[in-house]
Amino acid sequence: MKKFIRIFIGVFLGSLMFMIIIIAIGVMTGLPVDTDETKTIMTEQQRNKNIEAQFSPWDGSHKNLTQIIKDAMNDPGSYEHIETGYWDQKTHLVILTKYRGKNAFGGVVPAWVKAKVDIDGNVTEIIETS
């Protein structure tokens, strides 16, 4: 019976050491360990990539909001982006875009639009305009 207990303890300790070594190798090589924390980090990284993809890498304008602005302009070809900023409200973004373009009289005037945008980039509400 003592021999059986020694064998059982030896197998148990050997298995435990093997698992510790595998986990240590995974941590040292950067392999992901499937935990709620890593899932949250991955979700946050995906969310940030999703938000980043909504903006033009060229000038930083929000792609969908820019299209709405151009559709409402007298001369969409005169649209000139100045700057865009946003506030992350966790459930949505609030975006402020400053631009200039021709008015009905042909004069170039500055303007801005503040809009609410969902996390997927859809403009859900125009909050304020100049």
N, C-alpha and C. Protein backbone atom coordinates (compact mmCIF):
# COMPACT_ATOMS: atom_id res chain seq x y z
N MET A 1 0.81 -1.19 0.00
CA MET A 1 0.00 0.00 0.00
C MET A 1 0.86 1.26 0.00
N LYS A 2 1.96 1.25 0.75
CA LYS A 2 2.86 2.40 0.80
C LYS A 2 3.47 2.65 -0.58
N LYS A 3 3.75 1.56 -1.30
CA LYS A 3 4.33 1.69 -2.64
C LYS A 3 3.33 2.38 -3.57
N PHE A 4 2.04 2.02 -3.48
CA PHE A 4 0.99 2.62 -4.30
C PHE A 4 0.87 4.12 -4.00
N ILE A 5 0.92 4.50 -2.74
CA ILE A 5 0.83 5.91 -2.34
C ILE A 5 2.03 6.68 -2.88
N ARG A 6 3.22 6.10 -2.80
CA ARG A 6 4.43 6.77 -3.33
C ARG A 6 4.31 6.96 -4.84
N ILE A 7 3.82 5.94 -5.54
CA ILE A 7 3.66 6.05 -7.00
C ILE A 7 2.62 7.13 -7.32
N PHE A 8 1.50 7.12 -6.60
CA PHE A 8 0.45 8.11 -6.82
C PHE A 8 0.98 9.53 -6.58
N ILE A 9 1.69 9.74 -5.50
CA ILE A 9 2.27 11.05 -5.18
C ILE A 9 3.28 11.44 -6.25
N GLY A 10 4.09 10.50 -6.69
CA GLY A 10 5.09 10.78 -7.72
C GLY A 10 4.44 11.20 -9.03
N VAL A 11 3.39 10.48 -9.45
CA VAL A 11 2.67 10.83 -10.69
C VAL A 11 2.01 12.19 -10.53
N PHE A 12 1.38 12.44 -9.39
CA PHE A 12 0.72 13.71 -9.14
C PHE A 12 1.72 14.87 -9.20
N LEU A 13 2.84 14.74 -8.49
CA LEU A 13 3.85 15.80 -8.48
C LEU A 13 4.48 15.97 -9.86
N GLY A 14 4.70 14.88 -10.56
CA GLY A 14 5.24 14.96 -11.92
C GLY A 14 4.30 15.69 -12.86
N SER A 15 3.01 15.39 -12.76
CA SER A 15 2.00 16.08 -13.59
C SER A 15 1.94 17.56 -13.24
N LEU A 16 1.99 17.87 -11.97
CA LEU A 16 1.96 19.26 -11.52
C LEU A 16 3.17 20.02 -12.05
N MET A 17 4.33 19.45 -11.98
CA MET A 17 5.55 20.09 -12.49
C MET A 17 5.45 20.29 -14.00
N PHE A 18 4.92 19.30 -14.71
CA PHE A 18 4.76 19.41 -16.16
C PHE A 18 3.85 20.59 -16.51
N MET A 19 2.73 20.72 -15.80
CA MET A 19 1.80 21.82 -16.06
C MET A 19 2.45 23.17 -15.76
N ILE A 20 3.21 23.26 -14.68
CA ILE A 20 3.89 24.51 -14.34
C ILE A 20 4.90 24.88 -15.41
N ILE A 21 5.63 23.91 -15.92
CA ILE A 21 6.63 24.18 -16.97
C ILE A 21 5.93 24.65 -18.25
N ILE A 22 4.83 24.02 -18.64
CA ILE A 22 4.10 24.41 -19.85
C ILE A 22 3.58 25.84 -19.72
N ILE A 23 3.02 26.18 -18.57
CA ILE A 23 2.52 27.54 -18.35
C ILE A 23 3.67 28.54 -18.37
N ALA A 24 4.80 28.21 -17.76
CA ALA A 24 5.95 29.10 -17.75
C ALA A 24 6.47 29.34 -19.16
N ILE A 25 6.54 28.29 -19.96
CA ILE A 25 6.99 28.44 -21.35
C ILE A 25 6.03 29.34 -22.12
N GLY A 26 4.73 29.15 -21.91
CA GLY A 26 3.74 29.99 -22.58
C GLY A 26 3.88 31.45 -22.20
N VAL A 27 4.11 31.73 -20.94
CA VAL A 27 4.27 33.11 -20.48
C VAL A 27 5.56 33.72 -21.04
N MET A 28 6.65 32.96 -21.04
CA MET A 28 7.93 33.49 -21.52
C MET A 28 7.92 33.71 -23.03
N THR A 29 7.20 32.90 -23.78
CA THR A 29 7.18 33.05 -25.24
C THR A 29 6.07 33.97 -25.70
N GLY A 30 5.25 34.45 -24.78
CA GLY A 30 4.21 35.39 -25.14
C GLY A 30 2.94 34.72 -25.67
N LEU A 31 2.81 33.42 -25.53
CA LEU A 31 1.60 32.75 -25.95
C LEU A 31 0.47 33.18 -25.04
N PRO A 32 -0.71 33.43 -25.61
CA PRO A 32 -1.81 33.90 -24.76
C PRO A 32 -2.31 32.81 -23.83
N VAL A 33 -2.56 33.20 -22.60
CA VAL A 33 -3.17 32.32 -21.63
C VAL A 33 -4.64 32.72 -21.60
N ASP A 34 -5.53 31.79 -21.81
CA ASP A 34 -6.95 32.09 -21.95
C ASP A 34 -7.58 32.40 -20.60
N THR A 35 -7.62 33.70 -20.28
CA THR A 35 -8.25 34.15 -19.04
C THR A 35 -9.24 35.25 -19.38
N ASP A 36 -10.09 35.61 -18.44
CA ASP A 36 -11.03 36.71 -18.66
C ASP A 36 -10.29 38.01 -18.92
N GLU A 37 -9.15 38.21 -18.27
CA GLU A 37 -8.37 39.43 -18.44
C GLU A 37 -7.84 39.54 -19.87
N THR A 38 -7.32 38.44 -20.42
CA THR A 38 -6.81 38.50 -21.80
C THR A 38 -7.95 38.67 -22.78
N LYS A 39 -9.12 38.10 -22.49
CA LYS A 39 -10.28 38.30 -23.37
C LYS A 39 -10.68 39.77 -23.36
N THR A 40 -10.64 40.41 -22.19
CA THR A 40 -10.98 41.82 -22.08
C THR A 40 -9.96 42.66 -22.85
N ILE A 41 -8.69 42.32 -22.73
CA ILE A 41 -7.64 43.06 -23.45
C ILE A 41 -7.84 42.90 -24.95
N MET A 42 -8.09 41.67 -25.40
CA MET A 42 -8.30 41.43 -26.83
C MET A 42 -9.53 42.21 -27.32
N THR A 43 -10.60 42.21 -26.54
CA THR A 43 -11.79 42.93 -26.92
C THR A 43 -11.49 44.42 -27.00
N GLU A 44 -10.74 44.95 -26.07
CA GLU A 44 -10.37 46.37 -26.07
C GLU A 44 -9.49 46.69 -27.28
N GLN A 45 -8.56 45.80 -27.62
CA GLN A 45 -7.71 46.00 -28.80
C GLN A 45 -8.55 45.98 -30.07
N GLN A 46 -9.49 45.06 -30.18
CA GLN A 46 -10.36 45.00 -31.35
C GLN A 46 -11.22 46.25 -31.43
N ARG A 47 -11.71 46.72 -30.29
CA ARG A 47 -12.53 47.93 -30.26
C ARG A 47 -11.72 49.13 -30.73
N ASN A 48 -10.50 49.25 -30.26
CA ASN A 48 -9.65 50.36 -30.67
C ASN A 48 -9.34 50.30 -32.16
N LYS A 49 -9.10 49.11 -32.70
CA LYS A 49 -8.87 48.97 -34.14
C LYS A 49 -10.12 49.36 -34.92
N ASN A 50 -11.27 48.99 -34.41
CA ASN A 50 -12.54 49.33 -35.05
C ASN A 50 -12.72 50.85 -35.09
N ILE A 51 -12.41 51.51 -33.99
CA ILE A 51 -12.53 52.97 -33.93
C ILE A 51 -11.51 53.60 -34.87
N GLU A 52 -10.29 53.14 -34.84
CA GLU A 52 -9.23 53.70 -35.69
C GLU A 52 -9.58 53.58 -37.17
N ALA A 53 -10.23 52.49 -37.55
CA ALA A 53 -10.58 52.25 -38.96
C ALA A 53 -11.63 53.23 -39.47
N GLN A 54 -12.33 53.91 -38.56
CA GLN A 54 -13.37 54.85 -38.96
C GLN A 54 -12.79 56.17 -39.49
N PHE A 55 -11.52 56.40 -39.20
CA PHE A 55 -10.90 57.67 -39.54
C PHE A 55 -9.92 57.51 -40.70
N SER A 56 -9.83 58.53 -41.52
CA SER A 56 -8.92 58.52 -42.66
C SER A 56 -7.47 58.57 -42.16
N PRO A 57 -6.63 57.67 -42.66
CA PRO A 57 -5.22 57.74 -42.28
C PRO A 57 -4.52 58.96 -42.91
N TRP A 58 -5.13 59.50 -43.93
CA TRP A 58 -4.54 60.63 -44.65
C TRP A 58 -4.68 61.94 -43.88
N ASP A 59 -5.91 62.28 -43.49
CA ASP A 59 -6.11 63.58 -42.83
C ASP A 59 -6.82 63.48 -41.47
N GLY A 60 -7.20 62.28 -41.03
CA GLY A 60 -7.83 62.10 -39.73
C GLY A 60 -9.32 62.37 -39.70
N SER A 61 -9.92 62.62 -40.86
CA SER A 61 -11.36 62.88 -40.90
C SER A 61 -12.14 61.58 -40.68
N HIS A 62 -13.34 61.71 -40.13
CA HIS A 62 -14.21 60.55 -39.95
C HIS A 62 -14.91 60.31 -41.29
N LYS A 63 -14.74 59.12 -41.84
CA LYS A 63 -15.20 58.81 -43.20
C LYS A 63 -16.71 59.01 -43.37
N ASN A 64 -17.51 58.46 -42.49
CA ASN A 64 -18.96 58.55 -42.64
C ASN A 64 -19.49 59.95 -42.37
N LEU A 65 -18.94 60.63 -41.37
CA LEU A 65 -19.38 61.99 -41.09
C LEU A 65 -19.01 62.93 -42.24
N THR A 66 -17.84 62.73 -42.82
CA THR A 66 -17.43 63.55 -43.96
C THR A 66 -18.42 63.41 -45.11
N GLN A 67 -18.88 62.19 -45.37
CA GLN A 67 -19.84 61.98 -46.45
C GLN A 67 -21.16 62.68 -46.17
N ILE A 68 -21.61 62.66 -44.93
CA ILE A 68 -22.85 63.36 -44.56
C ILE A 68 -22.69 64.87 -44.74
N ILE A 69 -21.54 65.39 -44.34
CA ILE A 69 -21.28 66.82 -44.49
C ILE A 69 -21.30 67.19 -45.97
N LYS A 70 -20.59 66.44 -46.80
CA LYS A 70 -20.54 66.74 -48.24
C LYS A 70 -21.93 66.67 -48.88
N ASP A 71 -22.74 65.69 -48.46
CA ASP A 71 -24.09 65.56 -49.01
C ASP A 71 -24.96 66.78 -48.69
N ALA A 72 -24.67 67.46 -47.59
CA ALA A 72 -25.46 68.61 -47.18
C ALA A 72 -24.92 69.94 -47.71
N MET A 73 -23.74 69.92 -48.35
CA MET A 73 -23.11 71.17 -48.80
C MET A 73 -23.67 71.66 -50.13
N ASN A 74 -23.58 72.99 -50.35
CA ASN A 74 -23.94 73.58 -51.63
C ASN A 74 -22.99 73.13 -52.73
N ASP A 75 -21.70 73.06 -52.40
CA ASP A 75 -20.68 72.65 -53.37
C ASP A 75 -19.78 71.61 -52.70
N PRO A 76 -20.15 70.33 -52.79
CA PRO A 76 -19.37 69.29 -52.12
C PRO A 76 -17.91 69.24 -52.57
N GLY A 77 -17.65 69.65 -53.79
CA GLY A 77 -16.27 69.66 -54.30
C GLY A 77 -15.38 70.68 -53.62
N SER A 78 -15.98 71.64 -52.91
CA SER A 78 -15.19 72.67 -52.22
C SER A 78 -14.83 72.25 -50.79
N TYR A 79 -15.28 71.07 -50.37
CA TYR A 79 -15.02 70.61 -49.00
C TYR A 79 -13.52 70.53 -48.75
N GLU A 80 -13.10 71.13 -47.64
CA GLU A 80 -11.69 71.06 -47.22
C GLU A 80 -11.66 70.77 -45.72
N HIS A 81 -11.14 69.61 -45.36
CA HIS A 81 -11.07 69.19 -43.96
C HIS A 81 -10.01 70.01 -43.23
N ILE A 82 -10.34 70.49 -42.05
CA ILE A 82 -9.38 71.23 -41.22
C ILE A 82 -8.86 70.31 -40.12
N GLU A 83 -9.78 69.81 -39.26
CA GLU A 83 -9.37 68.88 -38.21
C GLU A 83 -10.57 68.13 -37.66
N THR A 84 -10.29 66.98 -37.09
CA THR A 84 -11.33 66.17 -36.46
C THR A 84 -10.80 65.65 -35.13
N GLY A 85 -11.64 65.72 -34.12
CA GLY A 85 -11.32 65.16 -32.81
C GLY A 85 -12.52 64.37 -32.32
N TYR A 86 -12.29 63.50 -31.36
CA TYR A 86 -13.41 62.74 -30.82
C TYR A 86 -13.23 62.45 -29.35
N TRP A 87 -14.36 62.19 -28.70
CA TRP A 87 -14.41 61.80 -27.30
C TRP A 87 -15.05 60.43 -27.24
N ASP A 88 -14.35 59.49 -26.62
CA ASP A 88 -14.86 58.12 -26.49
C ASP A 88 -15.76 58.06 -25.26
N GLN A 89 -17.04 57.82 -25.48
CA GLN A 89 -18.01 57.75 -24.39
C GLN A 89 -18.34 56.30 -24.02
N LYS A 90 -17.49 55.36 -24.43
CA LYS A 90 -17.61 53.91 -24.19
C LYS A 90 -18.73 53.27 -25.01
N THR A 91 -19.95 53.83 -25.00
CA THR A 91 -21.03 53.26 -25.80
C THR A 91 -21.12 53.90 -27.18
N HIS A 92 -20.48 55.04 -27.34
CA HIS A 92 -20.49 55.76 -28.62
C HIS A 92 -19.34 56.77 -28.63
N LEU A 93 -19.13 57.40 -29.76
CA LEU A 93 -18.15 58.47 -29.89
C LEU A 93 -18.88 59.78 -30.15
N VAL A 94 -18.32 60.87 -29.66
CA VAL A 94 -18.78 62.20 -30.04
C VAL A 94 -17.65 62.78 -30.88
N ILE A 95 -17.97 63.14 -32.11
CA ILE A 95 -16.96 63.60 -33.06
C ILE A 95 -17.20 65.06 -33.41
N LEU A 96 -16.13 65.83 -33.43
CA LEU A 96 -16.19 67.22 -33.85
C LEU A 96 -15.29 67.38 -35.07
N THR A 97 -15.89 67.75 -36.18
CA THR A 97 -15.14 67.97 -37.42
C THR A 97 -15.22 69.44 -37.80
N LYS A 98 -14.05 70.03 -38.04
CA LYS A 98 -13.97 71.41 -38.54
C LYS A 98 -13.56 71.33 -40.00
N TYR A 99 -14.21 72.15 -40.82
CA TYR A 99 -13.94 72.13 -42.26
C TYR A 99 -14.25 73.50 -42.84
N ARG A 100 -13.94 73.67 -44.13
CA ARG A 100 -14.36 74.88 -44.84
C ARG A 100 -14.87 74.47 -46.21
N GLY A 101 -15.74 75.32 -46.75
CA GLY A 101 -16.31 75.06 -48.06
C GLY A 101 -17.08 76.27 -48.54
N LYS A 102 -17.49 76.22 -49.79
CA LYS A 102 -18.22 77.35 -50.37
C LYS A 102 -19.67 77.37 -49.90
N ASN A 103 -20.14 78.58 -49.57
CA ASN A 103 -21.54 78.75 -49.22
C ASN A 103 -22.36 79.04 -50.48
N ALA A 104 -23.63 79.38 -50.31
CA ALA A 104 -24.53 79.61 -51.45
C ALA A 104 -24.11 80.81 -52.29
N PHE A 105 -23.31 81.72 -51.72
CA PHE A 105 -22.86 82.90 -52.45
C PHE A 105 -21.48 82.72 -53.08
N GLY A 106 -20.89 81.54 -52.89
CA GLY A 106 -19.58 81.26 -53.48
C GLY A 106 -18.41 81.61 -52.58
N GLY A 107 -18.68 82.15 -51.42
CA GLY A 107 -17.60 82.48 -50.49
C GLY A 107 -17.18 81.24 -49.70
N VAL A 108 -15.89 81.11 -49.44
CA VAL A 108 -15.39 79.98 -48.66
C VAL A 108 -15.48 80.35 -47.18
N VAL A 109 -16.20 79.53 -46.42
CA VAL A 109 -16.43 79.82 -45.01
C VAL A 109 -16.08 78.59 -44.16
N PRO A 110 -15.58 78.84 -42.95
CA PRO A 110 -15.32 77.71 -42.04
C PRO A 110 -16.63 77.26 -41.37
N ALA A 111 -16.68 76.01 -41.00
CA ALA A 111 -17.86 75.47 -40.31
C ALA A 111 -17.42 74.26 -39.48
N TRP A 112 -18.31 73.78 -38.65
CA TRP A 112 -18.03 72.58 -37.88
C TRP A 112 -19.31 71.80 -37.63
N VAL A 113 -19.14 70.51 -37.38
CA VAL A 113 -20.26 69.62 -37.07
C VAL A 113 -19.85 68.74 -35.90
N LYS A 114 -20.74 68.63 -34.92
CA LYS A 114 -20.54 67.70 -33.80
C LYS A 114 -21.60 66.61 -33.95
N ALA A 115 -21.16 65.35 -33.93
CA ALA A 115 -22.08 64.24 -34.15
C ALA A 115 -21.85 63.10 -33.18
N LYS A 116 -22.89 62.32 -32.97
CA LYS A 116 -22.81 61.10 -32.18
C LYS A 116 -22.68 59.94 -33.16
N VAL A 117 -21.69 59.08 -32.91
CA VAL A 117 -21.40 57.97 -33.82
C VAL A 117 -21.31 56.69 -32.99
N ASP A 118 -21.94 55.61 -33.48
CA ASP A 118 -21.82 54.35 -32.74
C ASP A 118 -20.44 53.75 -32.95
N ILE A 119 -20.14 52.69 -32.22
CA ILE A 119 -18.80 52.09 -32.24
C ILE A 119 -18.46 51.52 -33.61
N ASP A 120 -19.47 51.23 -34.42
CA ASP A 120 -19.23 50.70 -35.77
C ASP A 120 -19.03 51.80 -36.80
N GLY A 121 -19.15 53.08 -36.39
CA GLY A 121 -18.88 54.18 -37.30
C GLY A 121 -20.11 54.81 -37.92
N ASN A 122 -21.28 54.33 -37.57
CA ASN A 122 -22.52 54.89 -38.12
C ASN A 122 -22.90 56.17 -37.38
N VAL A 123 -23.16 57.23 -38.14
CA VAL A 123 -23.58 58.49 -37.53
C VAL A 123 -25.02 58.32 -37.10
N THR A 124 -25.27 58.43 -35.80
CA THR A 124 -26.62 58.23 -35.27
C THR A 124 -27.35 59.55 -34.99
N GLU A 125 -26.58 60.63 -34.82
CA GLU A 125 -27.21 61.90 -34.51
C GLU A 125 -26.26 63.05 -34.80
N ILE A 126 -26.77 64.09 -35.43
CA ILE A 126 -26.01 65.34 -35.55
C ILE A 126 -26.40 66.16 -34.33
N ILE A 127 -25.44 66.40 -33.47
CA ILE A 127 -25.71 67.07 -32.20
C ILE A 127 -25.81 68.58 -32.38
N GLU A 128 -24.85 69.12 -33.15
CA GLU A 128 -24.75 70.57 -33.26
C GLU A 128 -23.97 70.92 -34.52
N THR A 129 -24.29 72.04 -35.14
CA THR A 129 -23.53 72.52 -36.31
C THR A 129 -23.33 74.03 -36.19
N SER A 130 -22.38 74.53 -36.95
CA SER A 130 -22.18 75.98 -36.94
C SER A 130 -22.82 76.58 -38.17
